Amino acid sequence: MKNNGKQYYVDAAARSAEWHAENLRKMRACRFDTISVHGVYSMQEALDFNQGSIIEPMYMSTSQTYRDSDEMEAALGYEIPTWCYSRIANPSMYYLEGVLALLEGYGSGIETSCVATSSGMAAIQSAVEAFLVVDPANPDQKMNFVATCQLYGGTFQQFAIRKDQERNIEWRKVVNSNDIDTWRSLIDENTRFLYGEMPSNPGQAFFDLEKVAALAHEHNIPMIVDATVATPALMRPIEWGADIVVQSVTKSLMTSGFGIAGAIISRKNLTSNIDNDAMKADFAMYLKILPNRDNGPSISPMNAVLGINDIRTLRSRMDLCSRNTMKVAQFLEGHPNIEQVDYLGLESHPLHELAKKYLVLVDSEYDELYGKKVNRYGHLMSFRVKGGAQAARDMFDRMQRIWRATDLGRIKSVATIPAISTHSQQGEEGREIADIPLNLIRLCVGAEHPDDVIDDLDQALRAEGKKSFHVPGPEYSAGGASSATLDRS
């Protein structure tokens, strides 16, 4: 039977949009754990489209077919919902983006949207690049942005090399991120955004987000926050005034370590001095259907589903790992071979009281175990070994249960020496301003029993353990082929 052309699909899409809006409204009324488990995938959708599957399917197809030319025209003109091609969108991506948007906006009453990317670095690039456009009215303007210098090493390189050095877009560095006067002094009419990582990796830098976001809005520019370490289980920057949140989904959100992913979550109608109404109205959707469509940093469907599955247990896992980390940090703080411990949960940390304001286990007041709001400070910490760089390396090499890797957020405890790994490329000067000395070890505590993690740290610090390492032989390959294991004290 002949339909009424393209309008038939437009009308059907409008009815579908009403149903989905109602479903989202109902989900927003649920608790954080329920949203984490169910996300935006409904029983009705499972029955209508997915053979009743109770788990979100993985759509591995590259593209979507259409019923006729009218539906294709409406879809490719963005008049009706479509995923069309997996470089742009895909149902599996949609499920991940939906749950992250709900979790970051949880409890705030603020409408949020999300676009997922292939990695955390792709998310950062997409989030900031949209604001670094030339003003046609002032083509010779030298743009700048203001950002903390206590950042993940990859972010530091993206800002220092890819932006500042290669494109002459000035990065104005905030050395003490909690000094509001420094933030204020660096902003001028050419500043495009403020950017901060909190808590920072690896040094646990922190700042009063509410004040810094208000400062950004005074100057009509957005506040962008990398909240990877906290996750929305402990902190949701949008409710404190941030316009955009960046997540390296790879880390604490996707704790299994099976995939690489990133995400940008934004509030609707964000603040910006860029003359682009569509971008400001719905930043994440704007990125998805325009810049990211053209640049291609989208997430794969497989990684999207892997992320969804790990997110289901986010709150309880962050609670457990935070409590484990606190116990480990307290042990290290009293150890005679430790020079300094950086963990916001310790009362001795200079930013502890400020962190208490922001880092709260979501819904802990409704949890029968607590019945009140409780602070949790995440599972990333760092410590400095007495004796300098070599002592730190020796201790690091003696660890037997804690994995040596440039990774964090895993269900297993993982450690690295940032100065020779994640932050090595930013050079000695860059590490000095970011306070990353050679004897600093970053530790992300997992879900093991904390006593076992402590035992491993203690034997490594007391030089009682033997160094276990792999000596490459003829069969060695960079990809990790077989190798012979030797024990050496």
Protein backbone atom coordinates (compact mmCIF):
# COMPACT_ATOMS: atom_id res chain seq x y z
CA MET A 1 0.00 0.00 0.00
CA LYS A 2 1.35 3.43 -0.94
CA ASN A 3 2.25 5.59 2.02
CA ASN A 4 2.07 9.37 2.06
CA GLY A 5 5.67 9.85 1.00
CA LYS A 6 8.38 11.25 3.23
CA GLN A 7 5.85 12.83 5.59
CA TYR A 8 4.63 9.36 6.54
CA TYR A 9 8.02 8.63 8.11
CA VAL A 10 8.33 12.06 9.67
CA ASP A 11 4.97 11.61 11.41
CA ALA A 12 5.88 8.10 12.57
CA ALA A 13 9.18 9.41 13.94
CA ALA A 14 7.34 12.11 15.89
CA ARG A 15 5.16 9.47 17.55
CA SER A 16 8.25 7.39 18.31
CA ALA A 17 10.00 10.42 19.81
CA GLU A 18 7.07 10.97 22.16
CA TRP A 19 7.27 7.38 23.37
CA HIS A 20 11.04 7.54 23.91
CA ALA A 21 10.75 10.85 25.75
CA GLU A 22 8.26 9.26 28.13
CA ASN A 23 10.56 6.26 28.63
CA LEU A 24 13.45 8.61 29.47
CA ARG A 25 11.26 10.51 31.90
CA LYS A 26 10.48 7.28 33.72
CA MET A 27 14.13 6.26 33.79
CA ARG A 28 15.20 9.62 35.23
CA ALA A 29 12.86 8.94 38.14
CA CYS A 30 14.76 5.73 38.98
CA ARG A 31 17.75 5.39 41.30
CA PHE A 32 21.31 5.45 40.01
CA ASP A 33 21.77 1.66 40.22
CA THR A 34 18.59 1.02 38.24
CA ILE A 35 19.72 3.40 35.51
CA SER A 36 23.13 1.73 35.44
CA VAL A 37 21.55 -1.69 34.97
CA HIS A 38 18.81 -0.81 32.47
CA GLY A 39 19.97 2.37 30.75
CA VAL A 40 17.71 3.41 27.88
CA TYR A 41 17.05 -0.13 26.64
CA SER A 42 13.40 -0.93 27.30
CA MET A 43 11.39 -4.14 27.39
CA GLN A 44 9.18 -2.74 24.64
CA GLU A 45 12.16 -2.21 22.35
CA ALA A 46 13.41 -5.70 23.11
CA LEU A 47 10.07 -7.23 22.12
CA ASP A 48 9.47 -5.04 19.07
CA PHE A 49 12.91 -5.06 17.51
CA ASN A 50 15.33 -7.46 19.22
CA GLN A 51 13.61 -10.83 19.47
CA GLY A 52 12.96 -10.27 23.17
CA SER A 53 16.67 -10.09 24.10
CA ILE A 54 16.95 -8.86 27.70
CA ILE A 55 20.51 -7.61 27.07
CA GLU A 56 21.33 -4.86 24.56
CA PRO A 57 22.32 -6.53 21.27
CA MET A 58 25.61 -5.82 19.57
CA TYR A 59 24.86 -4.39 16.13
CA MET A 60 27.97 -5.24 14.14
CA SER A 61 26.56 -4.11 10.80
CA THR A 62 28.21 -1.20 9.03
CA SER A 63 24.96 0.30 7.79
CA GLN A 64 21.18 0.49 7.96
CA THR A 65 18.75 -0.32 5.17
CA TYR A 66 15.61 1.72 4.39
CA ARG A 67 12.14 0.73 3.31
CA ASP A 68 12.12 3.08 0.32
CA SER A 69 13.58 6.32 -1.05
CA ASP A 70 11.24 8.45 1.06
CA GLU A 71 12.53 6.96 4.32
CA MET A 72 16.13 7.28 3.11
CA GLU A 73 15.64 10.95 2.22
CA ALA A 74 14.07 11.73 5.59
CA ALA A 75 16.80 9.82 7.43
CA LEU A 76 19.76 11.33 5.62
CA GLY A 77 18.26 14.77 6.03
CA TYR A 78 18.15 14.19 9.81
CA GLU A 79 14.36 14.56 9.80
CA ILE A 80 13.81 11.20 11.48
CA PRO A 81 15.95 9.08 13.86
CA THR A 82 18.52 7.04 11.97
CA TRP A 83 21.86 5.42 12.47
CA CYS A 84 22.51 4.97 8.74
CA TYR A 85 26.23 4.20 9.01
CA SER A 86 28.33 3.05 11.96
CA ARG A 87 30.96 5.74 11.49
CA ILE A 88 28.24 8.17 12.58
CA ALA A 89 25.90 6.17 14.80
CA ASN A 90 24.75 2.67 15.62
CA PRO A 91 22.12 1.20 17.98
CA SER A 92 24.81 -0.22 20.28
CA MET A 93 26.44 3.22 20.51
CA TYR A 94 23.05 4.72 21.28
CA TYR A 95 22.56 2.41 24.28
CA LEU A 96 25.94 3.44 25.74
CA GLU A 97 25.39 7.13 25.08
CA GLY A 98 21.92 6.95 26.62
CA VAL A 99 23.02 5.43 29.91
CA LEU A 100 26.00 7.78 30.29
CA ALA A 101 23.84 10.85 29.62
CA LEU A 102 21.38 9.73 32.30
CA LEU A 103 24.10 8.94 34.86
CA GLU A 104 25.99 12.23 34.42
CA GLY A 105 22.75 14.19 34.71
CA TYR A 106 21.45 12.11 37.60
CA GLY A 107 19.77 14.10 40.37
CA SER A 108 20.50 17.47 38.77
CA GLY A 109 17.28 18.09 36.87
CA ILE A 110 19.47 19.11 33.92
CA GLU A 111 18.88 17.60 30.50
CA THR A 112 22.02 16.00 29.12
CA SER A 113 23.14 14.22 25.97
CA CYS A 114 26.18 12.12 25.08
CA VAL A 115 28.36 11.17 22.14
CA ALA A 116 30.68 8.17 22.48
CA THR A 117 34.11 8.04 20.88
CA SER A 118 36.81 5.51 20.11
CA SER A 119 38.95 6.53 23.11
CA GLY A 120 39.27 9.04 25.91
CA MET A 121 41.76 11.04 23.84
CA ALA A 122 39.28 11.18 20.95
CA ALA A 123 36.70 12.49 23.41
CA ILE A 124 39.03 15.27 24.59
CA GLN A 125 39.93 16.21 21.01
CA SER A 126 36.26 16.33 19.98
CA ALA A 127 35.21 18.28 23.08
CA VAL A 128 37.75 21.08 22.74
CA GLU A 129 38.14 21.30 18.95
CA ALA A 130 34.58 22.53 18.44
CA PHE A 131 35.50 25.75 20.26
CA LEU A 132 38.84 26.31 18.50
CA VAL A 133 37.39 27.71 15.29
CA VAL A 134 38.45 30.89 13.54
CA ASP A 135 36.14 33.85 13.98
CA PRO A 136 35.36 35.12 10.43
CA ALA A 137 35.04 38.64 11.82
CA ASN A 138 38.51 38.42 13.36
CA PRO A 139 40.60 35.91 11.35
CA ASP A 140 43.90 37.07 12.86
CA GLN A 141 42.74 36.54 16.43
CA LYS A 142 45.12 34.41 18.52
CA MET A 143 42.87 32.02 20.38
CA ASN A 144 43.70 30.66 23.82
CA PHE A 145 42.27 28.28 26.37
CA VAL A 146 42.90 28.00 30.10
CA ALA A 147 43.55 24.57 31.58
CA THR A 148 45.15 22.94 34.58
CA CYS A 149 48.60 21.47 33.98
CA GLN A 150 47.94 18.51 36.30
CA LEU A 151 46.61 16.33 33.50
CA TYR A 152 46.94 12.85 32.08
CA GLY A 153 50.12 12.77 29.97
CA GLY A 154 48.23 12.27 26.70
CA THR A 155 46.09 15.33 27.41
CA PHE A 156 49.20 17.34 28.24
CA GLN A 157 50.71 16.39 24.87
CA GLN A 158 47.52 17.15 22.97
CA PHE A 159 47.38 20.62 24.51
CA ALA A 160 51.10 21.43 24.48
CA ILE A 161 52.09 19.97 21.10
CA ARG A 162 49.02 19.46 18.92
CA LYS A 163 47.36 22.74 19.94
CA ASP A 164 49.96 25.18 21.27
CA GLN A 165 53.10 24.23 19.34
CA GLU A 166 51.68 23.05 16.03
CA ARG A 167 48.64 25.33 15.67
CA ASN A 168 49.68 28.36 17.73
CA ILE A 169 46.58 28.09 19.95
CA GLU A 170 47.88 29.23 23.32
CA TRP A 171 47.47 26.95 26.32
CA ARG A 172 47.47 29.13 29.42
CA LYS A 173 48.48 26.84 32.25
CA VAL A 174 46.99 26.88 35.75
CA VAL A 175 49.74 25.47 37.98
CA ASN A 176 47.77 25.58 41.23
CA SER A 177 44.33 24.47 40.07
CA ASN A 178 42.61 25.52 43.31
CA ASP A 179 43.75 29.15 43.02
CA ILE A 180 40.70 30.95 41.63
CA ASP A 181 42.69 34.16 41.16
CA THR A 182 45.06 32.37 38.77
CA TRP A 183 42.14 31.15 36.67
CA ARG A 184 40.71 34.67 36.59
CA SER A 185 44.00 36.31 35.60
CA LEU A 186 44.47 34.07 32.56
CA ILE A 187 41.09 34.71 30.90
CA ASP A 188 40.63 37.39 28.25
CA GLU A 189 38.33 38.10 25.29
CA ASN A 190 40.14 35.48 23.17
CA THR A 191 39.71 32.61 25.67
CA ARG A 192 37.50 29.86 24.27
CA PHE A 193 37.03 27.52 27.26
CA LEU A 194 38.25 26.49 30.71
CA TYR A 195 39.39 22.89 31.20
CA GLY A 196 40.28 20.90 34.30
CA GLU A 197 40.88 17.31 35.34
CA MET A 198 39.63 16.38 38.80
CA PRO A 199 40.85 14.39 40.61
CA SER A 200 43.92 14.58 38.41
CA ASN A 201 45.97 11.65 37.21
CA PRO A 202 48.28 10.91 38.97
CA GLY A 203 48.73 13.70 41.52
CA GLN A 204 45.16 14.11 42.83
CA ALA A 205 44.95 17.82 42.03
CA PHE A 206 41.50 19.24 42.73
CA PHE A 207 39.72 22.57 42.56
CA ASP A 208 36.48 24.25 43.59
CA LEU A 209 34.50 23.44 40.47
CA GLU A 210 31.46 25.48 41.44
CA LYS A 211 33.58 28.65 41.61
CA VAL A 212 35.60 27.97 38.46
CA ALA A 213 32.47 27.14 36.43
CA ALA A 214 30.82 30.37 37.62
CA LEU A 215 33.95 32.25 36.51
CA ALA A 216 33.75 30.63 33.07
CA HIS A 217 30.14 31.69 32.68
CA GLU A 218 30.97 35.25 33.73
CA HIS A 219 33.13 35.35 30.60
CA ASN A 220 30.55 33.53 28.44
CA ILE A 221 32.74 30.47 27.92
CA PRO A 222 32.17 26.78 28.76
CA MET A 223 33.66 24.76 31.59
CA ILE A 224 34.97 21.35 30.49
CA VAL A 225 35.85 18.73 33.13
CA ASP A 226 37.63 15.41 32.75
CA ALA A 227 36.03 13.34 35.51
CA THR A 228 37.43 9.95 34.49
CA VAL A 229 38.86 9.11 37.91
CA ALA A 230 35.67 9.90 39.84
CA THR A 231 33.02 8.59 37.41
CA PRO A 232 29.40 9.71 37.90
CA ALA A 233 29.17 7.30 40.85
CA LEU A 234 31.23 9.78 42.93
CA MET A 235 30.91 13.14 41.19
CA ARG A 236 28.74 14.62 38.45
CA PRO A 237 30.33 17.91 37.36
CA ILE A 238 27.29 19.12 35.41
CA GLU A 239 25.29 19.57 38.62
CA TRP A 240 28.10 21.83 39.89
CA GLY A 241 28.03 24.08 36.82
CA ALA A 242 30.21 22.31 34.24
CA ASP A 243 28.97 22.44 30.65
CA ILE A 244 30.80 19.38 29.35
CA VAL A 245 32.16 16.22 30.99
CA VAL A 246 34.82 14.07 29.34
CA GLN A 247 35.15 10.41 30.29
CA SER A 248 37.80 7.92 29.29
CA VAL A 249 35.27 5.09 29.40
CA THR A 250 38.22 2.70 29.07
CA LYS A 251 39.12 3.28 32.69
CA SER A 252 36.85 2.97 35.73
CA LEU A 253 33.64 2.78 33.73
CA MET A 254 34.89 -0.19 31.67
CA THR A 255 36.70 -1.88 34.53
CA SER A 256 37.15 -5.27 32.84
CA GLY A 257 39.90 -3.93 30.59
CA PHE A 258 38.31 -5.50 27.51
CA GLY A 259 37.79 -2.34 25.46
CA ILE A 260 38.82 1.20 24.60
CA ALA A 261 36.22 3.97 24.61
CA GLY A 262 35.56 7.60 25.41
CA ALA A 263 32.53 9.83 25.88
CA ILE A 264 31.47 13.46 25.94
CA ILE A 265 28.43 14.33 28.03
CA SER A 266 27.04 17.86 27.81
CA ARG A 267 24.22 19.92 29.22
CA LYS A 268 21.68 21.31 26.78
CA ASN A 269 22.04 25.04 26.00
CA LEU A 270 25.63 25.37 27.18
CA THR A 271 27.56 28.61 27.47
CA SER A 272 29.92 29.67 24.67
CA ASN A 273 31.16 32.81 22.94
CA ILE A 274 31.12 30.95 19.60
CA ASP A 275 28.32 32.03 17.25
CA ASN A 276 26.86 28.57 16.65
CA ASP A 277 23.33 28.09 17.95
CA ALA A 278 23.10 24.39 17.02
CA MET A 279 26.32 23.63 18.90
CA LYS A 280 25.16 25.43 22.02
CA ALA A 281 21.65 23.93 21.98
CA ASP A 282 22.80 20.30 22.03
CA PHE A 283 26.58 20.02 21.98
CA ALA A 284 26.87 16.22 22.04
CA MET A 285 24.32 15.72 19.25
CA TYR A 286 25.97 18.48 17.22
CA LEU A 287 29.29 16.66 17.47
CA LYS A 288 27.73 13.35 16.48
CA ILE A 289 25.92 14.49 13.36
CA LEU A 290 28.41 17.07 12.09
CA PRO A 291 32.11 17.27 13.19
CA ASN A 292 32.43 13.64 14.31
CA ARG A 293 30.50 12.47 11.26
CA ASP A 294 33.18 14.10 9.12
CA ASN A 295 36.23 13.28 11.27
CA GLY A 296 35.27 9.72 12.22
CA PRO A 297 36.30 9.23 15.88
CA SER A 298 33.24 7.14 16.77
CA ILE A 299 33.30 4.12 19.05
CA SER A 300 32.93 0.58 17.68
CA PRO A 301 29.71 -1.31 18.49
CA MET A 302 31.66 -4.05 20.28
CA ASN A 303 33.40 -1.62 22.62
CA ALA A 304 30.09 0.13 23.26
CA VAL A 305 28.44 -3.08 24.46
CA LEU A 306 31.47 -4.01 26.57
CA GLY A 307 31.19 -0.62 28.25
CA ILE A 308 27.47 -0.98 28.88
CA ASN A 309 27.98 -4.30 30.59
CA ASP A 310 30.63 -3.00 33.01
CA ILE A 311 28.63 0.12 33.85
CA ARG A 312 25.83 -2.01 35.35
CA THR A 313 27.80 -2.44 38.61
CA LEU A 314 29.45 1.01 38.67
CA ARG A 315 28.24 2.36 42.02
CA SER A 316 28.92 -0.74 44.13
CA ARG A 317 32.28 -1.26 42.45
CA MET A 318 33.43 2.32 43.01
CA ASP A 319 32.33 2.02 46.64
CA LEU A 320 34.34 -1.17 47.14
CA CYS A 321 37.46 0.00 45.33
CA SER A 322 37.37 3.38 47.10
CA ARG A 323 37.23 1.69 50.49
CA ASN A 324 40.09 -0.60 49.50
CA THR A 325 42.15 2.37 48.35
CA MET A 326 41.58 4.24 51.59
CA LYS A 327 42.92 1.32 53.59
CA VAL A 328 45.97 1.03 51.33
CA ALA A 329 46.61 4.79 51.49
CA GLN A 330 46.45 4.77 55.28
CA PHE A 331 48.96 1.92 55.38
CA LEU A 332 51.38 3.69 53.03
CA GLU A 333 51.05 6.98 54.92
CA GLY A 334 52.51 5.31 58.00
CA HIS A 335 55.23 3.31 56.22
CA PRO A 336 58.83 4.31 57.04
CA ASN A 337 59.95 3.94 53.41
CA ILE A 338 57.32 6.30 52.00
CA GLU A 339 58.03 10.00 51.56
CA GLN A 340 54.53 11.19 50.64
CA VAL A 341 51.08 9.79 49.83
CA ASP A 342 48.69 11.67 47.56
CA TYR A 343 45.11 10.56 48.14
CA LEU A 344 42.22 12.96 48.64
CA GLY A 345 40.62 10.62 51.17
CA LEU A 346 43.42 11.17 53.68
CA GLU A 347 42.72 13.91 56.21
CA SER A 348 46.35 14.98 55.84
CA HIS A 349 45.81 15.90 52.18
CA PRO A 350 45.59 19.71 51.86
CA LEU A 351 42.54 19.44 49.59
CA HIS A 352 40.70 16.84 51.66
CA GLU A 353 38.00 19.19 52.95
CA LEU A 354 37.33 20.55 49.46
CA ALA A 355 37.14 17.03 48.02
CA LYS A 356 34.54 16.12 50.67
CA LYS A 357 32.20 18.65 49.10
CA TYR A 358 32.26 16.98 45.70
CA LEU A 359 33.20 13.31 46.08
CA VAL A 360 30.17 11.58 47.54
CA LEU A 361 28.97 8.04 46.84
CA VAL A 362 25.78 8.56 44.89
CA ASP A 363 22.58 7.44 46.65
CA SER A 364 24.48 6.37 49.77
CA GLU A 365 21.75 8.05 51.83
CA TYR A 366 19.28 5.52 50.38
CA ASP A 367 21.59 2.55 50.88
CA GLU A 368 20.60 0.28 53.77
CA LEU A 369 24.32 -0.15 54.58
CA TYR A 370 24.84 3.59 55.17
CA GLY A 371 21.57 5.49 55.47
CA LYS A 372 23.41 8.79 55.03
CA LYS A 373 25.68 10.52 52.55
CA VAL A 374 29.20 9.10 52.68
CA ASN A 375 32.36 10.32 50.99
CA ARG A 376 34.30 8.08 48.65
CA TYR A 377 37.48 9.23 46.95
CA GLY A 378 38.02 6.78 44.11
CA HIS A 379 40.60 4.10 43.47
CA LEU A 380 43.48 6.18 42.09
CA MET A 381 46.30 7.33 44.35
CA SER A 382 50.03 7.99 44.16
CA PHE A 383 52.93 7.70 46.55
CA ARG A 384 56.58 8.72 46.61
CA VAL A 385 59.26 6.28 47.66
CA LYS A 386 62.12 7.46 49.88
CA GLY A 387 65.53 7.20 48.27
CA GLY A 388 64.76 8.72 44.88
CA ALA A 389 64.17 7.35 41.41
CA GLN A 390 66.15 4.12 41.69
CA ALA A 391 64.54 3.18 44.99
CA ALA A 392 61.12 3.67 43.40
CA ARG A 393 62.08 1.51 40.42
CA ASP A 394 63.47 -1.22 42.65
CA MET A 395 60.33 -1.26 44.76
CA PHE A 396 58.15 -1.22 41.65
CA ASP A 397 60.02 -4.19 40.18
CA ARG A 398 59.52 -6.26 43.34
CA MET A 399 55.71 -6.13 43.25
CA GLN A 400 54.30 -9.62 42.74
CA ARG A 401 50.51 -9.17 42.70
CA ILE A 402 50.08 -5.58 41.55
CA TRP A 403 50.31 -5.42 37.77
CA ARG A 404 52.91 -3.13 36.16
CA ALA A 405 51.04 -1.40 33.32
CA THR A 406 50.09 2.04 32.02
CA ASP A 407 46.47 1.51 32.92
CA LEU A 408 43.99 2.43 35.62
CA GLY A 409 40.45 1.69 36.66
CA ARG A 410 40.88 -2.05 36.40
CA ILE A 411 39.21 -4.63 38.60
CA LYS A 412 42.80 -5.74 39.29
CA SER A 413 45.30 -3.47 41.04
CA VAL A 414 47.65 -1.79 38.57
CA ALA A 415 50.66 0.50 39.06
CA THR A 416 53.02 2.53 36.93
CA ILE A 417 55.82 5.08 37.26
CA PRO A 418 54.35 8.06 35.38
CA ALA A 419 57.68 9.83 34.81
CA ILE A 420 58.90 6.95 32.63
CA SER A 421 55.53 5.97 31.13
CA THR A 422 52.28 7.91 30.94
CA HIS A 423 53.90 11.34 31.42
CA SER A 424 57.37 10.73 29.96
CA GLN A 425 56.75 12.63 26.71
CA GLN A 426 55.95 15.92 28.39
CA GLY A 427 59.57 16.28 29.45
CA GLU A 428 61.26 17.25 32.68
CA GLU A 429 59.91 20.80 32.71
CA GLY A 430 56.36 19.64 32.06
CA ARG A 431 56.60 17.03 34.79
CA GLU A 432 58.00 19.57 37.22
CA ILE A 433 55.07 21.99 36.86
CA ALA A 434 52.67 19.04 37.09
CA ASP A 435 54.51 17.77 40.21
CA ILE A 436 55.40 14.33 38.88
CA PRO A 437 58.83 13.42 40.31
CA LEU A 438 60.83 10.35 39.33
CA ASN A 439 60.09 8.58 42.63
CA LEU A 440 56.31 8.83 42.27
CA ILE A 441 54.35 5.62 41.70
CA ARG A 442 50.72 5.71 40.59
CA LEU A 443 48.57 2.97 42.06
CA CYS A 444 45.01 2.11 41.12
CA VAL A 445 43.62 -0.30 43.69
CA GLY A 446 41.21 -2.95 42.42
CA ALA A 447 38.68 -5.26 44.00
CA GLU A 448 41.12 -7.69 45.63
CA HIS A 449 41.09 -7.90 49.41
CA PRO A 450 43.06 -4.81 50.50
CA ASP A 451 45.18 -6.83 52.94
CA ASP A 452 46.67 -8.75 50.04
CA VAL A 453 47.48 -5.53 48.19
CA ILE A 454 49.08 -4.17 51.35
CA ASP A 455 51.15 -7.32 51.81
CA ASP A 456 52.51 -7.00 48.30
CA LEU A 457 53.39 -3.32 48.79
CA ASP A 458 55.00 -4.03 52.15
CA GLN A 459 57.28 -6.81 50.89
CA ALA A 460 58.27 -4.64 47.91
CA LEU A 461 59.04 -1.64 50.12
CA ARG A 462 61.05 -3.71 52.60
CA ALA A 463 63.10 -5.27 49.79
CA GLU A 464 62.15 -8.74 50.98
CA GLY A 465 60.76 -9.90 47.67
CA LYS A 466 62.66 -11.07 44.64
CA LYS A 467 62.51 -9.24 41.37
CA SER A 468 60.58 -11.27 38.84
CA PHE A 469 60.98 -10.35 35.21
CA HIS A 470 61.20 -11.74 31.73
CA VAL A 471 64.49 -12.02 29.87
CA PRO A 472 63.85 -11.85 26.12
CA GLY A 473 65.35 -14.73 24.16
CA PRO A 474 65.31 -15.58 20.46
CA GLU A 475 61.59 -16.26 20.72
CA TYR A 476 60.83 -12.78 22.13
CA SER A 477 58.51 -10.45 20.25
CA ALA A 478 57.13 -7.00 21.05
CA GLY A 479 53.67 -8.48 20.93
CA GLY A 480 54.34 -10.62 23.98
CA ALA A 481 55.22 -14.06 22.66
CA SER A 482 56.63 -16.73 24.94
CA SER A 483 59.57 -15.82 27.13
CA ALA A 484 61.64 -17.35 29.91
CA THR A 485 60.98 -16.27 33.48
CA LEU A 486 63.84 -15.79 35.90
CA ASP A 487 63.88 -14.81 39.57
CA ARG A 488 66.56 -12.39 40.68
CA SER A 489 66.88 -10.73 44.07
